[in-house]
Amino acid sequence: MIRDNHDYDQYFFNTLTIICKNKFNLSSKTYAVIMAGGAGTRFWPLSRRRMPKQVLSIIGTNSLLQDTTSRLEGLVPKERTLVVTNRQQLKVVASQQPDLGKENFLIEPTPRNTAPCIGLAAIHIRKIDPDGIMLVLPSDHRIKNVPAFQDIVRRGIEVVERFDPLVTIGIPPARPETGYGYIQFEPPGDKLPSGVHRVRAFAEKPNLETARRFIKSGDFYWNSGIFLWRAERILAEMEEHLPEQYHQLHQIEAAVGSPEFEQVLSNRYKRIRPISIDYGIMEVSSASIFMLAGDFGWSDVGSWDELYRISAKGRDGNVCVGETVTIDARNDYIYSPDKLTAVIGLNDILVVNTHTTTLICHRDRAQDVKAVVDELRKTGRKKYL
């Protein structure tokens, strides 16, 4: 059982260093970095602070986190798989990864968004292997075609080894989606391998009209949030574009493996301003950024409506989990495993029942569920978070 003790991170560094030096050739080595500390607020009320979306079994019998780890088999060895989470979620995250040891987990003292999370992993990898390559993965995505995913990752590793760029994976869009960011890419270049594009721009989540324009243009893909790069390279980008964040990370890096590491990490990490890797680096970097097209059945399962989209439909287009009765109701998502729920005359709605809460909203308002969490936090109703 993993315990949250003060020598945890020193143990992590010492043990992982020994494993890597004794078992693997340190040249051209890839580490998987799984970001597993998110709150999953758009999946409230099922997703809570101590049981976030990534540890829930909302598709099949495994959790999204377990699926993320399992699709690395044959791609990255467990000894080089790092899971970044926070102290509050460590126990449940670690319990779902019995094949990973204590040395495979990195703990954020407090959530600071994706750029600091990636930076924390990068300083550990650089300390162990200055040439280490990072495969950065969110822990809450669904990928149907694992062999195709692994093929794309292997190509991405080859691109990093050859050109030393920042690499992202774009998803061919199936619809004008407003819940995803977008990547604008250039036509294939003569000097680049087949299927590799230079990135022209990153775009934040658009409104519907803009999303339709992106799709019509033909040169925009969805941003998957999956990246490949050398640890040294992404830290150099942070030093240039996020100097305040990099300064704190550099101080933490200097203490890695020392008895003072826990205290330095706690003191320095909380000073880091939260920022996403897209906004902080990818949208502003002048470095070479390449995109590979990832057509492997991807979804970020970012909302209840997205879960409805990818679920098998039953009678009248409804998705029902638990005992339900539907009368003149179509295209609804009803989650109610512990009680009978009846829906009459309502179309395109979400109903989510737990022991203590019930969510009802139109499916096209699924992205606004996060606002409920914000309201509960503002009004001090922490027992529902």
Protein backbone atom coordinates (compact mmCIF):
# COMPACT_ATOMS: atom_id res chain seq x y z
CA MET A 1 0.00 0.00 0.00
CA ILE A 2 1.34 3.44 -0.89
CA ARG A 3 1.48 5.89 1.98
CA ASP A 4 1.73 9.67 1.80
CA ASN A 5 4.94 10.10 3.80
CA HIS A 6 7.64 12.75 3.77
CA ASP A 7 10.35 10.68 2.10
CA TYR A 8 8.07 9.65 -0.74
CA ASP A 9 9.65 11.77 -3.48
CA GLN A 10 13.22 11.06 -2.42
CA TYR A 11 12.37 7.34 -2.57
CA PHE A 12 10.80 7.90 -6.00
CA PHE A 13 13.93 9.47 -7.45
CA ASN A 14 16.46 7.08 -5.90
CA THR A 15 14.53 3.95 -6.84
CA LEU A 16 13.66 5.00 -10.40
CA THR A 17 17.28 6.01 -11.03
CA ILE A 18 18.51 2.58 -9.92
CA ILE A 19 15.90 0.78 -12.04
CA CYS A 20 16.75 2.76 -15.17
CA LYS A 21 20.51 2.45 -14.82
CA ASN A 22 20.44 -1.25 -14.06
CA LYS A 23 17.83 -2.47 -16.52
CA PHE A 24 17.84 -0.18 -19.55
CA ASN A 25 20.12 1.47 -22.07
CA LEU A 26 19.76 5.16 -21.31
CA SER A 27 20.00 6.29 -24.94
CA SER A 28 16.82 7.20 -26.81
CA LYS A 29 14.48 6.27 -23.95
CA THR A 30 10.79 7.14 -23.77
CA TYR A 31 8.91 7.80 -20.55
CA ALA A 32 5.12 7.88 -20.35
CA VAL A 33 3.77 10.71 -18.20
CA ILE A 34 0.12 10.23 -17.26
CA MET A 35 -1.57 13.32 -15.86
CA ALA A 36 -4.03 11.96 -13.30
CA GLY A 37 -4.74 14.83 -10.93
CA GLY A 38 -7.70 16.49 -12.62
CA ALA A 39 -11.00 17.22 -10.90
CA GLY A 40 -13.34 16.13 -13.72
CA THR A 41 -15.90 18.74 -12.71
CA ARG A 42 -17.98 18.36 -15.88
CA PHE A 43 -18.81 14.83 -14.72
CA TRP A 44 -20.38 16.01 -11.47
CA PRO A 45 -22.21 14.61 -9.54
CA LEU A 46 -20.55 11.24 -10.19
CA SER A 47 -17.07 12.77 -10.26
CA ARG A 48 -15.97 14.12 -6.88
CA ARG A 49 -12.75 15.46 -5.34
CA ARG A 50 -11.67 12.07 -4.03
CA MET A 51 -13.23 10.06 -6.86
CA PRO A 52 -12.57 12.09 -10.02
CA LYS A 53 -13.58 11.13 -13.53
CA GLN A 54 -10.36 9.33 -14.42
CA VAL A 55 -10.85 6.67 -11.72
CA LEU A 56 -14.49 5.99 -12.60
CA SER A 57 -15.62 3.03 -14.70
CA ILE A 58 -17.93 5.01 -16.96
CA ILE A 59 -17.02 3.01 -20.10
CA GLY A 60 -16.74 -0.73 -19.60
CA THR A 61 -15.38 -2.39 -16.47
CA ASN A 62 -12.04 -0.58 -16.21
CA SER A 63 -11.59 3.04 -15.23
CA LEU A 64 -10.38 5.57 -17.78
CA LEU A 65 -7.05 5.68 -15.92
CA GLN A 66 -6.67 1.91 -16.07
CA ASP A 67 -7.39 1.96 -19.80
CA THR A 68 -4.78 4.70 -20.27
CA THR A 69 -2.12 2.59 -18.54
CA SER A 70 -3.07 -0.65 -20.27
CA ARG A 71 -2.74 0.84 -23.77
CA LEU A 72 0.94 1.47 -23.04
CA GLU A 73 1.69 -2.27 -22.86
CA GLY A 74 4.33 -3.12 -25.46
CA LEU A 75 5.00 0.59 -25.98
CA VAL A 76 6.53 1.91 -22.75
CA PRO A 77 7.64 -0.40 -19.91
CA LYS A 78 6.07 0.04 -16.48
CA GLU A 79 9.44 1.06 -15.08
CA ARG A 80 9.28 4.20 -17.22
CA THR A 81 5.60 5.01 -16.64
CA LEU A 82 5.09 7.99 -14.34
CA VAL A 83 1.69 8.95 -12.94
CA VAL A 84 1.35 12.53 -11.73
CA THR A 85 -1.43 13.06 -9.21
CA ASN A 86 -2.09 14.96 -5.99
CA ARG A 87 -2.12 13.93 -2.34
CA GLN A 88 -5.89 13.92 -2.12
CA GLN A 89 -6.25 11.47 -5.01
CA LEU A 90 -3.08 9.41 -4.50
CA LYS A 91 -4.70 6.58 -2.57
CA VAL A 92 -7.44 5.83 -5.11
CA VAL A 93 -5.14 6.40 -8.11
CA ALA A 94 -2.47 4.07 -6.71
CA SER A 95 -5.04 1.42 -5.77
CA GLN A 96 -6.01 1.17 -9.45
CA GLN A 97 -2.39 0.62 -10.51
CA PRO A 98 -1.25 -2.47 -8.55
CA ASP A 99 1.46 -3.24 -11.12
CA LEU A 100 3.11 0.13 -10.54
CA GLY A 101 5.42 0.70 -7.60
CA LYS A 102 5.81 3.65 -5.28
CA GLU A 103 8.55 4.96 -7.54
CA ASN A 104 6.08 5.37 -10.44
CA PHE A 105 4.05 8.13 -8.77
CA LEU A 106 4.80 11.84 -8.61
CA ILE A 107 2.76 13.99 -6.24
CA GLU A 108 1.76 17.59 -6.87
CA PRO A 109 1.39 19.40 -3.53
CA THR A 110 -1.42 21.43 -5.11
CA PRO A 111 -2.99 21.43 -8.59
CA ARG A 112 -1.35 23.94 -10.95
CA ASN A 113 -2.74 22.98 -14.38
CA THR A 114 -0.93 21.08 -17.11
CA ALA A 115 2.24 23.14 -17.72
CA PRO A 116 3.57 22.86 -14.14
CA CYS A 117 2.42 19.21 -13.99
CA ILE A 118 4.42 18.41 -17.14
CA GLY A 119 7.34 20.49 -15.88
CA LEU A 120 7.43 18.54 -12.61
CA ALA A 121 7.68 15.27 -14.53
CA ALA A 122 10.25 16.75 -16.93
CA ILE A 123 12.69 17.77 -14.19
CA HIS A 124 12.62 14.24 -12.76
CA ILE A 125 13.17 12.68 -16.17
CA ARG A 126 15.97 15.11 -17.05
CA LYS A 127 17.66 14.33 -13.74
CA ILE A 128 17.60 10.60 -14.54
CA ASP A 129 18.18 10.79 -18.28
CA PRO A 130 19.12 14.08 -19.99
CA ASP A 131 18.07 12.58 -23.34
CA GLY A 132 14.75 11.20 -22.09
CA ILE A 133 11.69 11.54 -24.34
CA MET A 134 8.29 12.24 -22.78
CA LEU A 135 4.99 10.82 -24.01
CA VAL A 136 2.45 13.03 -22.21
CA LEU A 137 -1.04 11.58 -21.81
CA PRO A 138 -4.21 12.75 -20.08
CA SER A 139 -5.64 9.97 -17.90
CA ASP A 140 -9.28 10.34 -18.92
CA HIS A 141 -9.41 9.71 -22.66
CA ARG A 142 -11.01 6.90 -24.61
CA ILE A 143 -9.13 5.30 -27.51
CA LYS A 144 -10.83 2.49 -29.41
CA ASN A 145 -8.01 1.41 -31.77
CA VAL A 146 -5.01 0.79 -29.51
CA PRO A 147 -2.71 -0.66 -32.22
CA ALA A 148 -3.27 2.44 -34.37
CA PHE A 149 -2.59 4.66 -31.36
CA GLN A 150 0.67 2.84 -30.65
CA ASP A 151 1.74 3.13 -34.28
CA ILE A 152 1.24 6.90 -34.18
CA VAL A 153 3.20 7.18 -30.93
CA ARG A 154 6.11 5.19 -32.40
CA ARG A 155 6.16 7.52 -35.41
CA GLY A 156 6.09 10.48 -33.05
CA ILE A 157 9.09 9.13 -31.15
CA GLU A 158 10.99 8.78 -34.42
CA VAL A 159 10.13 12.38 -35.33
CA VAL A 160 11.38 13.62 -31.93
CA GLU A 161 14.61 11.65 -32.32
CA ARG A 162 15.19 13.00 -35.82
CA PHE A 163 14.10 16.64 -35.60
CA ASP A 164 13.87 17.41 -31.84
CA PRO A 165 10.56 19.34 -32.19
CA LEU A 166 7.51 19.61 -30.00
CA VAL A 167 5.05 17.01 -31.30
CA THR A 168 1.31 16.95 -30.82
CA ILE A 169 -1.34 14.54 -32.08
CA GLY A 170 -4.34 15.99 -33.89
CA ILE A 171 -7.66 14.20 -34.33
CA PRO A 172 -9.58 14.43 -37.62
CA PRO A 173 -12.81 16.21 -36.57
CA ALA A 174 -16.09 14.36 -36.85
CA ARG A 175 -18.27 17.41 -36.24
CA PRO A 176 -18.01 21.13 -35.35
CA GLU A 177 -17.28 20.56 -31.66
CA THR A 178 -17.20 23.51 -29.25
CA GLY A 179 -15.79 21.53 -26.33
CA TYR A 180 -12.35 20.89 -27.90
CA GLY A 181 -9.40 23.05 -28.81
CA TYR A 182 -8.18 22.97 -32.42
CA ILE A 183 -4.85 22.74 -34.25
CA GLN A 184 -4.35 24.49 -37.59
CA PHE A 185 -1.74 22.68 -39.68
CA GLU A 186 0.16 23.28 -42.89
CA PRO A 187 0.21 21.03 -45.97
CA PRO A 188 2.82 18.23 -45.84
CA GLY A 189 6.35 19.50 -46.44
CA ASP A 190 8.89 17.88 -48.73
CA LYS A 191 11.39 17.41 -45.93
CA LEU A 192 8.96 15.88 -43.44
CA PRO A 193 7.94 12.22 -43.20
CA SER A 194 4.55 11.24 -44.59
CA GLY A 195 1.69 12.23 -42.31
CA VAL A 196 3.71 14.83 -40.40
CA HIS A 197 2.57 18.45 -40.60
CA ARG A 198 3.99 21.69 -39.29
CA VAL A 199 1.60 23.44 -36.92
CA ARG A 200 0.46 26.90 -37.98
CA ALA A 201 -1.61 27.81 -34.91
CA PHE A 202 -3.50 26.54 -31.89
CA ALA A 203 -7.05 27.71 -31.24
CA GLU A 204 -8.99 27.70 -27.98
CA LYS A 205 -12.45 26.14 -27.74
CA PRO A 206 -14.50 28.02 -30.35
CA ASN A 207 -18.14 28.96 -30.56
CA LEU A 208 -20.30 26.92 -32.92
CA GLU A 209 -19.99 29.29 -35.88
CA THR A 210 -16.20 29.34 -35.61
CA ALA A 211 -16.06 25.56 -35.20
CA ARG A 212 -18.05 25.16 -38.41
CA ARG A 213 -15.63 27.47 -40.19
CA PHE A 214 -12.70 25.41 -38.91
CA ILE A 215 -14.22 22.19 -40.23
CA LYS A 216 -15.04 23.72 -43.60
CA SER A 217 -11.49 24.99 -44.07
CA GLY A 218 -10.08 21.46 -43.93
CA ASP A 219 -6.86 22.45 -42.17
CA PHE A 220 -8.02 22.22 -38.55
CA TYR A 221 -7.91 19.10 -36.38
CA TRP A 222 -9.06 18.60 -32.80
CA ASN A 223 -6.36 19.04 -30.17
CA SER A 224 -5.99 15.69 -28.37
CA GLY A 225 -3.75 16.98 -25.58
CA ILE A 226 -1.27 14.16 -26.28
CA PHE A 227 2.34 15.30 -26.72
CA LEU A 228 5.84 13.98 -27.40
CA TRP A 229 9.12 15.82 -26.79
CA ARG A 230 12.44 15.59 -25.04
CA ALA A 231 12.32 16.59 -21.38
CA GLU A 232 15.25 18.93 -21.99
CA ARG A 233 13.39 20.59 -24.87
CA ILE A 234 10.14 21.31 -23.05
CA LEU A 235 12.04 22.69 -20.07
CA ALA A 236 13.98 25.00 -22.39
CA GLU A 237 10.64 26.22 -23.79
CA MET A 238 9.40 26.84 -20.25
CA GLU A 239 12.55 28.74 -19.40
CA GLU A 240 11.92 31.02 -22.39
CA HIS A 241 8.14 31.46 -22.25
CA LEU A 242 7.26 30.72 -18.61
CA PRO A 243 10.32 32.03 -16.76
CA GLU A 244 8.55 32.48 -13.40
CA GLN A 245 7.27 28.91 -13.45
CA TYR A 246 10.59 27.59 -14.69
CA HIS A 247 12.48 29.34 -11.87
CA GLN A 248 10.43 27.48 -9.26
CA LEU A 249 10.79 24.17 -11.11
CA HIS A 250 14.55 24.69 -11.38
CA GLN A 251 14.76 25.17 -7.63
CA ILE A 252 12.76 21.98 -7.13
CA GLU A 253 15.00 20.12 -9.58
CA ALA A 254 18.10 21.08 -7.61
CA ALA A 255 16.63 19.35 -4.55
CA VAL A 256 15.49 16.14 -6.28
CA GLY A 257 16.91 13.12 -4.47
CA SER A 258 17.92 15.11 -1.38
CA PRO A 259 16.45 14.97 2.14
CA GLU A 260 15.14 18.53 1.64
CA PHE A 261 13.16 17.67 -1.46
CA GLU A 262 9.74 17.38 0.20
CA GLN A 263 10.04 20.78 1.86
CA VAL A 264 11.42 22.47 -1.26
CA LEU A 265 8.68 20.96 -3.42
CA SER A 266 5.96 22.12 -1.04
CA ASN A 267 7.35 25.63 -0.69
CA ARG A 268 8.20 26.21 -4.34
CA TYR A 269 5.35 24.46 -6.15
CA LYS A 270 2.63 26.46 -4.43
CA ARG A 271 4.26 29.66 -5.77
CA ILE A 272 3.80 28.53 -9.37
CA ARG A 273 1.06 30.34 -11.26
CA PRO A 274 -1.36 27.82 -12.81
CA ILE A 275 -1.30 27.72 -16.60
CA SER A 276 -2.03 25.17 -19.30
CA ILE A 277 0.67 23.79 -21.58
CA ASP A 278 -1.34 24.92 -24.62
CA TYR A 279 -1.69 28.53 -23.49
CA GLY A 280 1.73 28.80 -21.87
CA ILE A 281 3.88 27.06 -24.50
CA MET A 282 2.18 25.66 -27.59
CA GLU A 283 0.35 28.85 -28.58
CA VAL A 284 3.36 31.13 -28.18
CA SER A 285 6.43 29.03 -28.98
CA SER A 286 8.46 29.87 -32.09
CA ALA A 287 10.03 26.42 -32.05
CA SER A 288 9.30 23.69 -34.55
CA ILE A 289 5.94 22.18 -33.65
CA PHE A 290 4.78 19.17 -35.63
CA MET A 291 1.43 17.42 -35.71
CA LEU A 292 0.65 13.80 -36.50
CA ALA A 293 -2.91 12.85 -37.44
CA GLY A 294 -4.33 10.35 -34.95
CA ASP A 295 -7.29 8.52 -36.44
CA PHE A 296 -7.69 5.89 -33.72
CA GLY A 297 -11.18 6.34 -32.30
CA TRP A 298 -10.38 9.10 -29.81
CA SER A 299 -12.63 10.94 -27.38
CA ASP A 300 -11.71 13.00 -24.34
CA VAL A 301 -15.00 11.94 -22.67
CA GLY A 302 -15.21 15.53 -21.53
CA SER A 303 -18.88 15.72 -20.61
CA TRP A 304 -22.02 13.68 -20.05
CA ASP A 305 -23.13 14.60 -23.57
CA GLU A 306 -19.89 13.22 -25.02
CA LEU A 307 -20.46 10.02 -23.08
CA TYR A 308 -23.92 9.85 -24.64
CA ARG A 309 -22.40 10.25 -28.11
CA ILE A 310 -20.03 7.30 -27.74
CA SER A 311 -22.44 4.98 -25.90
CA ALA A 312 -24.58 2.29 -27.52
CA LYS A 313 -28.12 3.59 -27.98
CA GLY A 314 -31.24 1.68 -27.05
CA ARG A 315 -34.89 2.29 -27.64
CA ASP A 316 -35.69 5.73 -29.08
CA GLY A 317 -32.01 6.68 -29.01
CA ASN A 318 -31.84 6.61 -25.21
CA VAL A 319 -28.83 5.51 -23.15
CA CYS A 320 -29.97 4.09 -19.83
CA VAL A 321 -27.77 2.90 -16.97
CA GLY A 322 -29.86 1.27 -14.26
CA GLU A 323 -33.58 0.58 -14.08
CA THR A 324 -35.55 3.13 -16.08
CA VAL A 325 -38.94 3.80 -17.64
CA THR A 326 -39.12 6.13 -20.64
CA ILE A 327 -42.38 7.27 -22.20
CA ASP A 328 -42.35 9.59 -25.22
CA ALA A 329 -38.72 10.33 -24.38
CA ARG A 330 -35.96 10.31 -26.98
CA ASN A 331 -32.20 10.77 -27.17
CA ASP A 332 -31.81 11.00 -23.40
CA TYR A 333 -28.91 9.90 -21.20
CA ILE A 334 -30.16 8.48 -17.89
CA TYR A 335 -27.71 7.30 -15.24
CA SER A 336 -29.49 5.85 -12.23
CA PRO A 337 -27.95 2.54 -11.08
CA ASP A 338 -29.45 2.58 -7.56
CA LYS A 339 -33.04 3.67 -8.08
CA LEU A 340 -35.81 3.49 -10.65
CA THR A 341 -36.00 6.65 -12.74
CA ALA A 342 -38.91 7.47 -15.05
CA VAL A 343 -38.75 10.11 -17.79
CA ILE A 344 -41.88 11.24 -19.64
CA GLY A 345 -42.09 13.52 -22.65
CA LEU A 346 -38.56 14.91 -22.45
CA ASN A 347 -36.02 14.71 -25.28
CA ASP A 348 -32.27 15.35 -25.40
CA ILE A 349 -31.81 15.57 -21.64
CA LEU A 350 -29.35 14.26 -19.07
CA VAL A 351 -30.44 12.69 -15.79
CA VAL A 352 -27.72 11.60 -13.37
CA ASN A 353 -28.70 10.14 -9.99
CA THR A 354 -26.33 9.36 -7.13
CA HIS A 355 -27.09 8.58 -3.46
CA THR A 356 -27.07 12.25 -2.48
CA THR A 357 -27.55 14.27 -5.65
CA THR A 358 -29.48 14.51 -8.89
CA LEU A 359 -28.48 16.40 -12.05
CA ILE A 360 -31.02 17.25 -14.74
CA CYS A 361 -30.16 19.39 -17.74
CA HIS A 362 -30.49 19.59 -21.49
CA ARG A 363 -27.73 17.72 -23.31
CA ASP A 364 -26.54 20.85 -25.08
CA ARG A 365 -25.84 22.40 -21.65
CA ALA A 366 -23.58 19.55 -20.52
CA GLN A 367 -20.50 21.78 -20.64
CA ASP A 368 -22.13 24.01 -18.02
CA VAL A 369 -22.14 21.33 -15.30
CA LYS A 370 -18.85 22.80 -14.11
CA ALA A 371 -20.82 25.94 -13.15
CA VAL A 372 -22.77 23.87 -10.61
CA VAL A 373 -19.50 22.81 -9.00
CA ASP A 374 -18.37 26.43 -8.91
CA GLU A 375 -21.62 27.46 -7.25
CA LEU A 376 -21.37 24.71 -4.63
CA ARG A 377 -17.82 25.80 -3.86
CA LYS A 378 -18.80 29.47 -3.56
CA THR A 379 -21.70 28.67 -1.21
CA GLY A 380 -19.64 26.37 1.00
CA ARG A 381 -21.54 23.16 0.29
CA LYS A 382 -18.35 21.08 0.31
CA LYS A 383 -20.08 17.80 1.15
CA TYR A 384 -21.37 17.68 -2.44
CA LEU A 385 -17.91 18.18 -3.96
